[in-house]
N, C-alpha and C. Protein backbone atom coordinates (compact mmCIF):
# COMPACT_ATOMS: atom_id res chain seq x y z
N ALA A 1 -58.04 -9.58 99.13
CA ALA A 1 -57.95 -8.48 100.06
C ALA A 1 -58.29 -7.15 99.37
N TYR A 2 -57.88 -7.01 98.11
CA TYR A 2 -58.16 -5.76 97.40
C TYR A 2 -59.65 -5.59 97.16
N ILE A 3 -60.32 -6.67 96.82
CA ILE A 3 -61.77 -6.60 96.63
C ILE A 3 -62.45 -6.18 97.93
N ASN A 4 -62.03 -6.76 99.04
CA ASN A 4 -62.58 -6.38 100.34
C ASN A 4 -62.33 -4.90 100.63
N HIS A 5 -61.15 -4.43 100.29
CA HIS A 5 -60.81 -3.01 100.48
C HIS A 5 -61.79 -2.12 99.70
N LEU A 6 -62.04 -2.47 98.45
CA LEU A 6 -62.95 -1.66 97.63
C LEU A 6 -64.37 -1.70 98.17
N LEU A 7 -64.83 -2.90 98.54
CA LEU A 7 -66.18 -3.02 99.07
C LEU A 7 -66.33 -2.28 100.40
N ALA A 8 -65.32 -2.37 101.26
CA ALA A 8 -65.35 -1.68 102.55
C ALA A 8 -65.38 -0.17 102.37
N ALA A 9 -64.80 0.30 101.28
CA ALA A 9 -64.78 1.74 100.99
C ALA A 9 -66.09 2.21 100.37
N GLY A 10 -67.03 1.27 100.19
CA GLY A 10 -68.34 1.64 99.66
C GLY A 10 -68.43 1.69 98.15
N ARG A 11 -67.47 1.11 97.47
CA ARG A 11 -67.51 1.10 96.01
C ARG A 11 -68.64 0.18 95.55
N ALA A 12 -69.32 0.58 94.49
CA ALA A 12 -70.40 -0.22 93.92
C ALA A 12 -69.80 -1.49 93.31
N TRP A 13 -70.60 -2.54 93.28
CA TRP A 13 -70.11 -3.81 92.75
C TRP A 13 -69.64 -3.66 91.30
N GLY A 14 -70.31 -2.82 90.52
CA GLY A 14 -69.89 -2.60 89.14
C GLY A 14 -68.50 -1.99 89.06
N THR A 15 -68.23 -1.05 89.97
CA THR A 15 -66.90 -0.44 90.02
C THR A 15 -65.85 -1.47 90.43
N VAL A 16 -66.17 -2.26 91.45
CA VAL A 16 -65.24 -3.29 91.92
C VAL A 16 -64.94 -4.26 90.78
N SER A 17 -65.98 -4.69 90.10
CA SER A 17 -65.82 -5.64 88.99
C SER A 17 -64.96 -5.04 87.89
N GLN A 18 -65.19 -3.77 87.56
CA GLN A 18 -64.39 -3.12 86.52
C GLN A 18 -62.94 -3.01 86.94
N ARG A 19 -62.68 -2.53 88.15
CA ARG A 19 -61.30 -2.36 88.63
C ARG A 19 -60.55 -3.69 88.63
N VAL A 20 -61.18 -4.72 89.17
CA VAL A 20 -60.53 -6.03 89.23
C VAL A 20 -60.34 -6.60 87.83
N GLY A 21 -61.31 -6.39 86.96
CA GLY A 21 -61.18 -6.84 85.58
C GLY A 21 -60.00 -6.19 84.87
N HIS A 22 -59.83 -4.89 85.09
CA HIS A 22 -58.69 -4.20 84.47
C HIS A 22 -57.37 -4.78 84.97
N ILE A 23 -57.28 -5.02 86.26
CA ILE A 23 -56.03 -5.57 86.81
C ILE A 23 -55.80 -6.99 86.32
N ARG A 24 -56.84 -7.76 86.20
CA ARG A 24 -56.67 -9.14 85.68
C ARG A 24 -56.22 -9.13 84.23
N ARG A 25 -56.71 -8.18 83.45
CA ARG A 25 -56.25 -8.07 82.05
C ARG A 25 -54.78 -7.67 82.02
N LEU A 26 -54.38 -6.76 82.90
CA LEU A 26 -52.97 -6.39 82.99
C LEU A 26 -52.13 -7.60 83.37
N GLN A 27 -52.65 -8.42 84.26
CA GLN A 27 -51.92 -9.61 84.72
C GLN A 27 -51.72 -10.63 83.61
N LEU A 28 -52.58 -10.64 82.61
CA LEU A 28 -52.38 -11.54 81.47
C LEU A 28 -51.07 -11.20 80.74
N ARG A 29 -50.74 -9.92 80.73
CA ARG A 29 -49.52 -9.48 80.07
C ARG A 29 -48.32 -9.49 81.02
N HIS A 30 -48.58 -9.22 82.29
CA HIS A 30 -47.53 -9.16 83.31
C HIS A 30 -47.94 -10.03 84.50
N PRO A 31 -47.67 -11.33 84.42
CA PRO A 31 -48.13 -12.25 85.47
C PRO A 31 -47.71 -11.88 86.89
N ASP A 32 -46.53 -11.29 87.06
CA ASP A 32 -46.09 -10.89 88.39
C ASP A 32 -46.41 -9.41 88.57
N LEU A 33 -47.61 -9.13 89.08
CA LEU A 33 -48.07 -7.75 89.21
C LEU A 33 -47.19 -6.93 90.15
N LEU A 34 -46.50 -7.59 91.07
CA LEU A 34 -45.65 -6.87 92.02
C LEU A 34 -44.32 -6.45 91.40
N ALA A 35 -44.01 -6.96 90.22
CA ALA A 35 -42.75 -6.61 89.54
C ALA A 35 -42.96 -5.59 88.42
N VAL A 36 -44.18 -5.12 88.25
CA VAL A 36 -44.50 -4.19 87.17
C VAL A 36 -43.84 -2.83 87.44
N THR A 37 -43.33 -2.22 86.38
CA THR A 37 -42.70 -0.91 86.47
C THR A 37 -43.61 0.15 85.85
N THR A 38 -43.26 1.40 86.08
CA THR A 38 -44.00 2.50 85.45
C THR A 38 -43.92 2.35 83.93
N ALA A 39 -42.77 1.99 83.41
CA ALA A 39 -42.61 1.81 81.96
C ALA A 39 -43.53 0.71 81.45
N ASP A 40 -43.69 -0.37 82.21
CA ASP A 40 -44.61 -1.45 81.82
C ASP A 40 -46.03 -0.92 81.72
N LEU A 41 -46.44 -0.13 82.69
CA LEU A 41 -47.80 0.41 82.70
C LEU A 41 -48.00 1.39 81.54
N GLU A 42 -47.02 2.22 81.28
CA GLU A 42 -47.13 3.15 80.15
C GLU A 42 -47.21 2.40 78.83
N GLN A 43 -46.40 1.34 78.71
CA GLN A 43 -46.44 0.54 77.49
C GLN A 43 -47.81 -0.11 77.31
N TYR A 44 -48.39 -0.59 78.40
CA TYR A 44 -49.71 -1.22 78.33
C TYR A 44 -50.76 -0.20 77.89
N LEU A 45 -50.73 0.99 78.48
CA LEU A 45 -51.69 2.02 78.08
C LEU A 45 -51.49 2.44 76.63
N ALA A 46 -50.24 2.51 76.18
CA ALA A 46 -49.95 2.84 74.79
C ALA A 46 -50.48 1.76 73.85
N GLN A 47 -50.37 0.51 74.27
CA GLN A 47 -50.91 -0.58 73.45
C GLN A 47 -52.42 -0.45 73.33
N LEU A 48 -53.08 -0.10 74.42
CA LEU A 48 -54.53 0.10 74.36
C LEU A 48 -54.87 1.19 73.35
N ALA A 49 -54.06 2.24 73.31
CA ALA A 49 -54.28 3.32 72.35
C ALA A 49 -54.08 2.82 70.92
N ARG A 50 -53.03 2.02 70.72
CA ARG A 50 -52.78 1.47 69.37
C ARG A 50 -53.90 0.54 68.92
N LEU A 51 -54.55 -0.10 69.89
CA LEU A 51 -55.66 -1.00 69.56
C LEU A 51 -56.98 -0.25 69.45
N ASP A 52 -56.90 1.08 69.42
CA ASP A 52 -58.05 1.97 69.23
C ASP A 52 -59.05 1.94 70.37
N HIS A 53 -58.58 1.69 71.60
CA HIS A 53 -59.47 1.86 72.75
C HIS A 53 -59.73 3.36 72.92
N GLU A 54 -60.96 3.69 73.24
CA GLU A 54 -61.34 5.09 73.42
C GLU A 54 -60.57 5.70 74.60
N PRO A 55 -60.36 7.02 74.58
CA PRO A 55 -59.68 7.67 75.70
C PRO A 55 -60.37 7.40 77.05
N GLU A 56 -61.69 7.35 77.06
CA GLU A 56 -62.41 7.08 78.30
C GLU A 56 -62.05 5.70 78.86
N THR A 57 -61.87 4.73 77.98
CA THR A 57 -61.50 3.38 78.39
C THR A 57 -60.09 3.37 78.96
N ARG A 58 -59.17 4.04 78.27
CA ARG A 58 -57.79 4.11 78.76
C ARG A 58 -57.72 4.86 80.09
N LYS A 59 -58.54 5.88 80.24
CA LYS A 59 -58.59 6.63 81.49
C LYS A 59 -59.07 5.73 82.63
N ALA A 60 -60.06 4.88 82.35
CA ALA A 60 -60.56 3.95 83.37
C ALA A 60 -59.47 2.94 83.74
N PHE A 61 -58.73 2.45 82.76
CA PHE A 61 -57.62 1.52 83.05
C PHE A 61 -56.59 2.21 83.92
N ARG A 62 -56.23 3.43 83.59
CA ARG A 62 -55.25 4.17 84.39
C ARG A 62 -55.75 4.34 85.83
N SER A 63 -57.02 4.67 85.98
CA SER A 63 -57.59 4.84 87.32
C SER A 63 -57.51 3.53 88.11
N SER A 64 -57.78 2.43 87.44
CA SER A 64 -57.71 1.13 88.10
C SER A 64 -56.28 0.82 88.53
N MET A 65 -55.33 1.12 87.66
CA MET A 65 -53.92 0.88 87.99
C MET A 65 -53.49 1.75 89.18
N ARG A 66 -53.86 3.02 89.16
CA ARG A 66 -53.47 3.92 90.25
C ARG A 66 -54.10 3.49 91.57
N ALA A 67 -55.36 3.06 91.51
CA ALA A 67 -56.03 2.62 92.73
C ALA A 67 -55.37 1.35 93.28
N TYR A 68 -55.13 0.38 92.41
CA TYR A 68 -54.57 -0.90 92.85
C TYR A 68 -53.15 -0.73 93.38
N TYR A 69 -52.29 -0.08 92.60
CA TYR A 69 -50.90 0.06 93.03
C TYR A 69 -50.76 1.02 94.21
N GLY A 70 -51.64 2.00 94.29
CA GLY A 70 -51.64 2.88 95.47
C GLY A 70 -51.99 2.09 96.72
N TRP A 71 -52.97 1.19 96.62
CA TRP A 71 -53.34 0.34 97.74
C TRP A 71 -52.19 -0.58 98.14
N LEU A 72 -51.54 -1.21 97.15
CA LEU A 72 -50.39 -2.07 97.44
C LEU A 72 -49.30 -1.30 98.17
N HIS A 73 -49.05 -0.09 97.73
CA HIS A 73 -48.01 0.74 98.35
C HIS A 73 -48.41 1.14 99.78
N ARG A 74 -49.64 1.59 99.96
CA ARG A 74 -50.10 2.01 101.29
C ARG A 74 -50.12 0.86 102.29
N THR A 75 -50.36 -0.36 101.81
CA THR A 75 -50.42 -1.51 102.71
C THR A 75 -49.06 -2.18 102.89
N GLY A 76 -48.02 -1.58 102.34
CA GLY A 76 -46.67 -2.09 102.54
C GLY A 76 -46.29 -3.28 101.67
N GLN A 77 -47.10 -3.58 100.68
CA GLN A 77 -46.79 -4.70 99.80
C GLN A 77 -45.83 -4.31 98.68
N LEU A 78 -45.68 -3.01 98.45
CA LEU A 78 -44.74 -2.48 97.46
C LEU A 78 -44.01 -1.29 98.08
N ASP A 79 -42.73 -1.19 97.82
CA ASP A 79 -41.96 -0.06 98.31
C ASP A 79 -42.23 1.20 97.48
N VAL A 80 -42.49 1.01 96.20
CA VAL A 80 -42.70 2.12 95.27
C VAL A 80 -43.99 1.86 94.49
N ASP A 81 -44.78 2.90 94.31
CA ASP A 81 -46.01 2.81 93.53
C ASP A 81 -45.69 3.10 92.07
N PRO A 82 -45.68 2.08 91.19
CA PRO A 82 -45.32 2.32 89.79
C PRO A 82 -46.37 3.11 89.02
N ALA A 83 -47.58 3.18 89.54
CA ALA A 83 -48.64 3.90 88.82
C ALA A 83 -48.70 5.37 89.18
N ALA A 84 -48.04 5.78 90.26
CA ALA A 84 -48.11 7.18 90.70
C ALA A 84 -47.65 8.17 89.63
N PRO A 85 -46.58 7.88 88.87
CA PRO A 85 -46.13 8.86 87.88
C PRO A 85 -46.93 8.86 86.57
N LEU A 86 -47.90 7.97 86.41
CA LEU A 86 -48.64 7.92 85.15
C LEU A 86 -49.33 9.24 84.87
N ARG A 87 -49.13 9.73 83.68
CA ARG A 87 -49.74 11.00 83.27
C ARG A 87 -51.24 10.81 83.05
N PRO A 88 -52.02 11.85 83.30
CA PRO A 88 -53.46 11.76 83.03
C PRO A 88 -53.74 11.48 81.56
N ILE A 89 -54.84 10.80 81.31
CA ILE A 89 -55.27 10.51 79.95
C ILE A 89 -56.18 11.67 79.51
N HIS A 90 -55.84 12.29 78.42
CA HIS A 90 -56.66 13.40 77.90
C HIS A 90 -57.87 12.83 77.18
N VAL A 91 -59.03 13.28 77.58
CA VAL A 91 -60.28 12.90 76.93
C VAL A 91 -60.82 14.13 76.22
N PRO A 92 -60.84 14.13 74.88
CA PRO A 92 -61.32 15.31 74.16
C PRO A 92 -62.79 15.59 74.47
N HIS A 93 -63.12 16.86 74.50
CA HIS A 93 -64.51 17.25 74.70
C HIS A 93 -65.26 17.02 73.38
N ARG A 94 -66.43 16.42 73.53
CA ARG A 94 -67.25 16.18 72.34
C ARG A 94 -68.37 17.22 72.32
N PRO A 95 -68.64 17.77 71.15
CA PRO A 95 -69.71 18.78 71.07
C PRO A 95 -71.05 18.17 71.46
N ALA A 96 -71.84 18.96 72.14
CA ALA A 96 -73.16 18.48 72.60
C ALA A 96 -74.16 18.44 71.49
């Protein structure tokens, strides 16, 4: 249903694939995606940082989490959106 939601919203297949891929990777660590807490999501993003993922990559993961959990919340599948409080990921400006 989430894939259909993204496609219906006009998202490009590459974006859909990336968003779903991020959520599937999260699910490897947290099999019950509906039981995930904000602390779980923060811990996951922190682990990505410890594994030297670039800020742009972590920002994309955060965007995927916010989109997915926001959709679950809006559709009544979750009472609380655990991704809503996630702080933005700072991406340093690189000199041109």
